[in-house]
């Protein structure tokens, strides 16, 4: 999975070059909107869940792995964590995803898992990888 790996690596590099740890990471646009810290926290949650999907799809298929993004962000108290710690964790998780993708067994790229909360919605590893990158880039642009 060379293309998603390259796009993810570039997104991380570009974001880190254009973002300062001095930015106002704590500001919440409104009570029901996430701060920049919480967006990074959400991306950490997304990385953890998706890393598990990619790893499990190398030996298993048709399993279901979902999460409630708002509950995850809330229960992990990302708002109270130093931004450097959040960014370090986010970077390390994504570097691991890149490692997994770069060594992904070609015969498992069409393996499917269910990432839906309601009706079954089986997606291939390739689809999940591309969706993961699009999701990440979308959130980085909002920061």
C-alpha atoms as a PDB file:
ATOM      1  CA  UNK A   1       0.000   0.000   0.000  1.00  0.00           C
ATOM      2  CA  UNK A   2       2.507   2.519  -1.221  1.00  0.00           C
ATOM      3  CA  UNK A   3       0.117   5.356  -2.108  1.00  0.00           C
ATOM      4  CA  UNK A   4      -1.692   5.611   1.251  1.00  0.00           C
ATOM      5  CA  UNK A   5       1.662   5.346   3.058  1.00  0.00           C
ATOM      6  CA  UNK A   6       3.169   8.197   1.055  1.00  0.00           C
ATOM      7  CA  UNK A   7       0.089  10.397   1.480  1.00  0.00           C
ATOM      8  CA  UNK A   8      -0.048   9.749   5.229  1.00  0.00           C
ATOM      9  CA  UNK A   9       3.660  10.432   5.668  1.00  0.00           C
ATOM     10  CA  UNK A  10       3.370  13.706   3.723  1.00  0.00           C
ATOM     11  CA  UNK A  11       0.285  14.776   5.683  1.00  0.00           C
ATOM     12  CA  UNK A  12       2.133  14.272   8.982  1.00  0.00           C
ATOM     13  CA  UNK A  13       5.236  16.121   7.777  1.00  0.00           C
ATOM     14  CA  UNK A  14       3.280  19.025   6.279  1.00  0.00           C
ATOM     15  CA  UNK A  15       1.131  19.395   9.391  1.00  0.00           C
ATOM     16  CA  UNK A  16       4.120  19.435  11.732  1.00  0.00           C
ATOM     17  CA  UNK A  17       5.916  22.019   9.585  1.00  0.00           C
ATOM     18  CA  UNK A  18       2.946  24.390   9.520  1.00  0.00           C
ATOM     19  CA  UNK A  19       1.691  23.983  13.081  1.00  0.00           C
ATOM     20  CA  UNK A  20       3.131  25.455  16.246  1.00  0.00           C
ATOM     21  CA  UNK A  21       2.806  24.029  19.719  1.00  0.00           C
ATOM     22  CA  UNK A  22       2.181  27.637  20.766  1.00  0.00           C
ATOM     23  CA  UNK A  23      -1.142  27.709  18.881  1.00  0.00           C
ATOM     24  CA  UNK A  24      -4.263  27.956  21.016  1.00  0.00           C
ATOM     25  CA  UNK A  25      -4.903  24.222  21.277  1.00  0.00           C
ATOM     26  CA  UNK A  26      -7.336  24.567  24.207  1.00  0.00           C
ATOM     27  CA  UNK A  27      -9.913  26.888  22.633  1.00  0.00           C
ATOM     28  CA  UNK A  28     -13.294  25.257  22.041  1.00  0.00           C
ATOM     29  CA  UNK A  29     -15.282  27.069  19.314  1.00  0.00           C
ATOM     30  CA  UNK A  30     -18.433  26.215  21.299  1.00  0.00           C
ATOM     31  CA  UNK A  31     -19.464  23.895  24.110  1.00  0.00           C
ATOM     32  CA  UNK A  32     -20.384  21.116  21.674  1.00  0.00           C
ATOM     33  CA  UNK A  33     -17.322  21.459  19.400  1.00  0.00           C
ATOM     34  CA  UNK A  34     -13.907  19.938  19.936  1.00  0.00           C
ATOM     35  CA  UNK A  35     -10.795  21.989  20.637  1.00  0.00           C
ATOM     36  CA  UNK A  36      -7.686  21.410  18.510  1.00  0.00           C
ATOM     37  CA  UNK A  37      -6.388  19.141  21.295  1.00  0.00           C
ATOM     38  CA  UNK A  38      -9.558  17.095  21.170  1.00  0.00           C
ATOM     39  CA  UNK A  39      -9.323  16.834  17.379  1.00  0.00           C
ATOM     40  CA  UNK A  40      -5.807  15.415  17.755  1.00  0.00           C
ATOM     41  CA  UNK A  41      -7.211  13.112  20.446  1.00  0.00           C
ATOM     42  CA  UNK A  42      -9.909  11.971  18.026  1.00  0.00           C
ATOM     43  CA  UNK A  43      -7.201  11.286  15.439  1.00  0.00           C
ATOM     44  CA  UNK A  44      -5.323   9.244  18.065  1.00  0.00           C
ATOM     45  CA  UNK A  45      -8.466   7.191  18.683  1.00  0.00           C
ATOM     46  CA  UNK A  46      -8.954   6.752  14.947  1.00  0.00           C
ATOM     47  CA  UNK A  47      -5.337   5.631  14.553  1.00  0.00           C
ATOM     48  CA  UNK A  48      -5.653   3.082  17.367  1.00  0.00           C
ATOM     49  CA  UNK A  49      -8.891   1.587  16.057  1.00  0.00           C
ATOM     50  CA  UNK A  50      -7.690   1.501  12.456  1.00  0.00           C
ATOM     51  CA  UNK A  51      -4.315   0.036  13.363  1.00  0.00           C
ATOM     52  CA  UNK A  52      -6.202  -2.834  14.997  1.00  0.00           C
ATOM     53  CA  UNK A  53      -8.334  -3.235  11.884  1.00  0.00           C
ATOM     54  CA  UNK A  54      -5.280  -3.416   9.642  1.00  0.00           C
ATOM     55  CA  UNK A  55      -3.456  -5.871  11.890  1.00  0.00           C
ATOM     56  CA  UNK A  56      -6.474  -8.111  12.442  1.00  0.00           C
ATOM     57  CA  UNK A  57      -7.259  -8.161   8.718  1.00  0.00           C
ATOM     58  CA  UNK A  58      -3.928  -9.900   8.105  1.00  0.00           C
ATOM     59  CA  UNK A  59      -5.295 -13.038   9.788  1.00  0.00           C
ATOM     60  CA  UNK A  60      -9.040 -12.549  10.265  1.00  0.00           C
ATOM     61  CA  UNK A  61     -11.984 -11.220   8.273  1.00  0.00           C
ATOM     62  CA  UNK A  62     -15.587 -10.110   8.556  1.00  0.00           C
ATOM     63  CA  UNK A  63     -15.112  -8.964  12.161  1.00  0.00           C
ATOM     64  CA  UNK A  64     -16.699  -5.786  13.513  1.00  0.00           C
ATOM     65  CA  UNK A  65     -14.663  -3.023  15.163  1.00  0.00           C
ATOM     66  CA  UNK A  66     -16.296   0.351  15.772  1.00  0.00           C
ATOM     67  CA  UNK A  67     -16.117   3.124  18.334  1.00  0.00           C
ATOM     68  CA  UNK A  68     -18.153   6.082  19.555  1.00  0.00           C
ATOM     69  CA  UNK A  69     -15.911   9.025  18.746  1.00  0.00           C
ATOM     70  CA  UNK A  70     -17.537  11.480  21.165  1.00  0.00           C
ATOM     71  CA  UNK A  71     -17.422   9.071  24.096  1.00  0.00           C
ATOM     72  CA  UNK A  72     -13.794   8.184  23.350  1.00  0.00           C
ATOM     73  CA  UNK A  73     -12.731  11.846  23.264  1.00  0.00           C
ATOM     74  CA  UNK A  74     -14.671  12.608  26.439  1.00  0.00           C
ATOM     75  CA  UNK A  75     -13.489   9.682  28.542  1.00  0.00           C
ATOM     76  CA  UNK A  76      -9.829  10.181  27.620  1.00  0.00           C
ATOM     77  CA  UNK A  77      -9.768  13.844  28.714  1.00  0.00           C
ATOM     78  CA  UNK A  78      -7.608  15.001  25.836  1.00  0.00           C
ATOM     79  CA  UNK A  79      -8.390  18.609  26.764  1.00  0.00           C
ATOM     80  CA  UNK A  80      -6.281  18.137  29.921  1.00  0.00           C
ATOM     81  CA  UNK A  81      -3.195  16.667  28.226  1.00  0.00           C
ATOM     82  CA  UNK A  82      -0.127  18.637  27.090  1.00  0.00           C
ATOM     83  CA  UNK A  83      -0.210  19.097  23.329  1.00  0.00           C
ATOM     84  CA  UNK A  84       3.337  17.755  22.967  1.00  0.00           C
ATOM     85  CA  UNK A  85       2.269  14.426  24.490  1.00  0.00           C
ATOM     86  CA  UNK A  86      -0.752  14.222  22.192  1.00  0.00           C
ATOM     87  CA  UNK A  87       1.267  15.042  19.081  1.00  0.00           C
ATOM     88  CA  UNK A  88       4.003  12.558  20.031  1.00  0.00           C
ATOM     89  CA  UNK A  89       1.440   9.764  20.475  1.00  0.00           C
ATOM     90  CA  UNK A  90      -0.370  10.693  17.252  1.00  0.00           C
ATOM     91  CA  UNK A  91       2.915  10.667  15.300  1.00  0.00           C
ATOM     92  CA  UNK A  92       4.036   7.309  16.720  1.00  0.00           C
ATOM     93  CA  UNK A  93       0.697   5.626  15.996  1.00  0.00           C
ATOM     94  CA  UNK A  94       0.709   6.871  12.424  1.00  0.00           C
ATOM     95  CA  UNK A  95       4.311   5.807  11.876  1.00  0.00           C
ATOM     96  CA  UNK A  96       3.255   2.321  12.998  1.00  0.00           C
ATOM     97  CA  UNK A  97       0.324   2.359  10.564  1.00  0.00           C
ATOM     98  CA  UNK A  98       2.763   3.293   7.785  1.00  0.00           C
ATOM     99  CA  UNK A  99       5.036   0.389   8.790  1.00  0.00           C
ATOM    100  CA  UNK A 100       2.114  -2.032   8.707  1.00  0.00           C
ATOM    101  CA  UNK A 101       0.949  -0.732   5.324  1.00  0.00           C
ATOM    102  CA  UNK A 102       4.427  -0.901   3.782  1.00  0.00           C
ATOM    103  CA  UNK A 103       4.678  -4.563   4.727  1.00  0.00           C
ATOM    104  CA  UNK A 104       1.069  -5.545   4.102  1.00  0.00           C
ATOM    105  CA  UNK A 105       0.539  -8.986   2.561  1.00  0.00           C
ATOM    106  CA  UNK A 106      -0.729  -8.421  -0.993  1.00  0.00           C
ATOM    107  CA  UNK A 107      -3.099 -11.365  -0.722  1.00  0.00           C
ATOM    108  CA  UNK A 108      -4.888  -9.709   2.233  1.00  0.00           C
ATOM    109  CA  UNK A 109      -5.664  -6.302   0.648  1.00  0.00           C
ATOM    110  CA  UNK A 110      -9.181  -7.384  -0.250  1.00  0.00           C
ATOM    111  CA  UNK A 111      -9.896  -8.770   3.216  1.00  0.00           C
ATOM    112  CA  UNK A 112     -12.962  -7.119   4.697  1.00  0.00           C
ATOM    113  CA  UNK A 113     -14.078  -5.969   8.110  1.00  0.00           C
ATOM    114  CA  UNK A 114     -17.176  -4.174   9.356  1.00  0.00           C
ATOM    115  CA  UNK A 115     -16.654  -0.582  10.462  1.00  0.00           C
ATOM    116  CA  UNK A 116     -20.312   0.414  10.791  1.00  0.00           C
ATOM    117  CA  UNK A 117     -22.313   1.177  13.907  1.00  0.00           C
ATOM    118  CA  UNK A 118     -25.663  -0.041  12.574  1.00  0.00           C
ATOM    119  CA  UNK A 119     -26.165  -2.195   9.493  1.00  0.00           C
ATOM    120  CA  UNK A 120     -23.225  -4.400   8.472  1.00  0.00           C
ATOM    121  CA  UNK A 121     -20.899  -2.545   6.116  1.00  0.00           C
ATOM    122  CA  UNK A 122     -17.903  -4.652   5.126  1.00  0.00           C
ATOM    123  CA  UNK A 123     -14.979  -2.701   3.673  1.00  0.00           C
ATOM    124  CA  UNK A 124     -11.674  -3.903   2.214  1.00  0.00           C
ATOM    125  CA  UNK A 125      -8.321  -3.086   3.746  1.00  0.00           C
ATOM    126  CA  UNK A 126      -7.520  -0.922   0.717  1.00  0.00           C
ATOM    127  CA  UNK A 127     -10.745   1.036   1.179  1.00  0.00           C
ATOM    128  CA  UNK A 128     -10.086   1.447   4.912  1.00  0.00           C
ATOM    129  CA  UNK A 129      -6.561   2.727   4.247  1.00  0.00           C
ATOM    130  CA  UNK A 130      -7.724   5.324   1.745  1.00  0.00           C
ATOM    131  CA  UNK A 131     -10.634   6.357   3.969  1.00  0.00           C
ATOM    132  CA  UNK A 132      -8.281   6.658   6.960  1.00  0.00           C
ATOM    133  CA  UNK A 133      -6.009   9.068   5.082  1.00  0.00           C
ATOM    134  CA  UNK A 134      -8.929  11.159   3.785  1.00  0.00           C
ATOM    135  CA  UNK A 135     -10.390  11.382   7.301  1.00  0.00           C
ATOM    136  CA  UNK A 136      -7.061  12.409   8.816  1.00  0.00           C
ATOM    137  CA  UNK A 137      -6.367  15.075   6.168  1.00  0.00           C
ATOM    138  CA  UNK A 138      -9.884  16.471   6.604  1.00  0.00           C
ATOM    139  CA  UNK A 139      -9.341  16.968  10.345  1.00  0.00           C
ATOM    140  CA  UNK A 140      -5.841  18.387   9.930  1.00  0.00           C
ATOM    141  CA  UNK A 141      -7.260  21.031   7.605  1.00  0.00           C
ATOM    142  CA  UNK A 142      -9.726  22.076  10.307  1.00  0.00           C
ATOM    143  CA  UNK A 143      -6.823  22.716  12.662  1.00  0.00           C
END
